[in-house]
Amino acid sequence: MKQKSTVSSSRRKSRKAYFTAPSHIRRKLMSAPLSKDLRAKYNVRSLPIRRDDEVIICRGHFHDREGKVTTVYRKKWRIHIELVAHVFVAAFAVRVP
């Protein structure tokens, strides 16, 4: 049963709404769950990610690393984290989103 009559349950329409969402809605979509102690402190399960937040990477090549968020690039759905970079042989580093 549908929860809201104004929101479509169609896969095609919901994907279009997700990928063409404006910046103020992407802010909410780019949320992250809180740790157990912060969840108990603020009585909230997840919050939108902001600059200077402390995060733990859970997926991908850099998983189990902690760092501070340096950039939240909503247009490209990217989050740049301090000290997470790909270092090349020529001794220059590129930030990995």
Protein backbone atom coordinates (compact mmCIF):
# COMPACT_ATOMS: atom_id res chain seq x y z
CA MET A 1 0.00 0.00 0.00
CA LYS A 2 1.22 3.49 -0.85
CA GLN A 3 2.19 5.75 2.03
CA LYS A 4 1.73 9.07 0.22
CA SER A 5 -0.58 9.61 -2.72
CA THR A 6 1.60 12.48 -4.03
CA VAL A 7 4.77 10.36 -4.36
CA SER A 8 5.03 7.82 -7.15
CA SER A 9 6.11 4.25 -6.43
CA SER A 10 7.37 3.83 -10.00
CA ARG A 11 11.07 2.91 -10.20
CA ARG A 12 11.61 5.09 -13.25
CA LYS A 13 10.02 8.19 -11.70
CA SER A 14 11.72 7.77 -8.33
CA ARG A 15 15.15 7.40 -9.98
CA LYS A 16 14.50 10.52 -12.05
CA ALA A 17 13.48 12.43 -8.92
CA TYR A 18 16.62 11.27 -7.12
CA PHE A 19 19.13 12.14 -9.86
CA THR A 20 17.51 15.46 -10.83
CA ALA A 21 16.92 16.61 -7.24
CA PRO A 22 17.79 20.24 -6.44
CA SER A 23 20.54 21.11 -3.97
CA HIS A 24 18.30 21.67 -0.92
CA ILE A 25 16.82 18.18 -1.34
CA ARG A 26 20.21 16.56 -2.08
CA ARG A 27 21.34 17.86 1.32
CA LYS A 28 18.82 15.60 3.01
CA LEU A 29 19.50 12.70 0.65
CA MET A 30 23.23 12.88 1.49
CA SER A 31 22.68 11.98 5.13
CA ALA A 32 24.74 9.60 7.24
CA PRO A 33 23.84 7.50 10.29
CA LEU A 34 25.20 8.58 13.67
CA SER A 35 27.23 6.46 16.08
CA LYS A 36 25.47 4.83 19.03
CA ASP A 37 26.60 7.46 21.58
CA LEU A 38 25.62 10.41 19.35
CA ARG A 39 22.30 8.71 18.59
CA ALA A 40 21.56 8.52 22.31
CA LYS A 41 22.73 12.09 22.90
CA TYR A 42 20.68 13.78 20.15
CA ASN A 43 17.78 11.28 19.81
CA VAL A 44 18.25 11.28 16.04
CA ARG A 45 19.27 8.34 13.84
CA SER A 46 20.92 10.23 10.95
CA LEU A 47 21.88 13.79 9.97
CA PRO A 48 22.91 15.54 6.73
CA ILE A 49 26.68 15.58 6.25
CA ARG A 50 28.43 18.92 6.71
CA ARG A 51 31.98 20.18 6.43
CA ASP A 52 34.20 19.43 9.49
CA ASP A 53 32.16 16.34 10.47
CA GLU A 54 34.12 13.32 11.70
CA VAL A 55 33.26 10.27 9.58
CA ILE A 56 34.25 6.62 9.21
CA ILE A 57 34.40 5.20 5.67
CA CYS A 58 32.41 1.95 5.41
CA ARG A 59 32.66 1.04 1.71
CA GLY A 60 35.30 0.83 -0.97
CA HIS A 61 39.09 0.77 -1.06
CA PHE A 62 39.50 3.18 1.87
CA HIS A 63 37.09 1.42 4.27
CA ASP A 64 37.70 1.52 8.06
CA ARG A 65 39.44 4.89 7.83
CA GLU A 66 38.44 7.90 9.86
CA GLY A 67 38.72 11.49 8.75
CA LYS A 68 37.25 14.95 8.68
CA VAL A 69 34.98 16.05 5.81
CA THR A 70 36.66 18.81 3.80
CA THR A 71 34.14 19.23 0.97
CA VAL A 72 30.53 18.25 0.34
CA TYR A 73 29.97 18.50 -3.41
CA ARG A 74 26.21 18.06 -3.77
CA LYS A 75 26.11 18.54 -7.52
CA LYS A 76 28.31 15.46 -8.08
CA TRP A 77 27.13 13.52 -4.99
CA ARG A 78 30.73 13.58 -3.65
CA ILE A 79 32.26 13.97 -0.18
CA HIS A 80 35.98 14.67 0.14
CA ILE A 81 37.66 13.50 3.33
CA GLU A 82 40.93 14.72 4.82
CA LEU A 83 43.91 12.34 4.39
CA VAL A 84 42.09 10.17 1.82
CA ALA A 85 44.00 10.65 -1.41
CA HIS A 86 45.59 8.64 -4.21
CA VAL A 87 49.36 9.31 -4.29
CA PHE A 88 51.05 8.88 -7.66
CA VAL A 89 54.68 7.94 -8.32
CA ALA A 90 55.44 11.51 -9.39
CA ALA A 91 54.75 12.48 -5.72
CA PHE A 92 51.50 14.36 -6.20
CA ALA A 93 48.25 13.45 -4.51
CA VAL A 94 44.70 13.54 -5.85
CA ARG A 95 41.76 13.65 -3.45
CA VAL A 96 39.49 10.64 -3.75
CA PRO A 97 35.77 11.26 -3.25
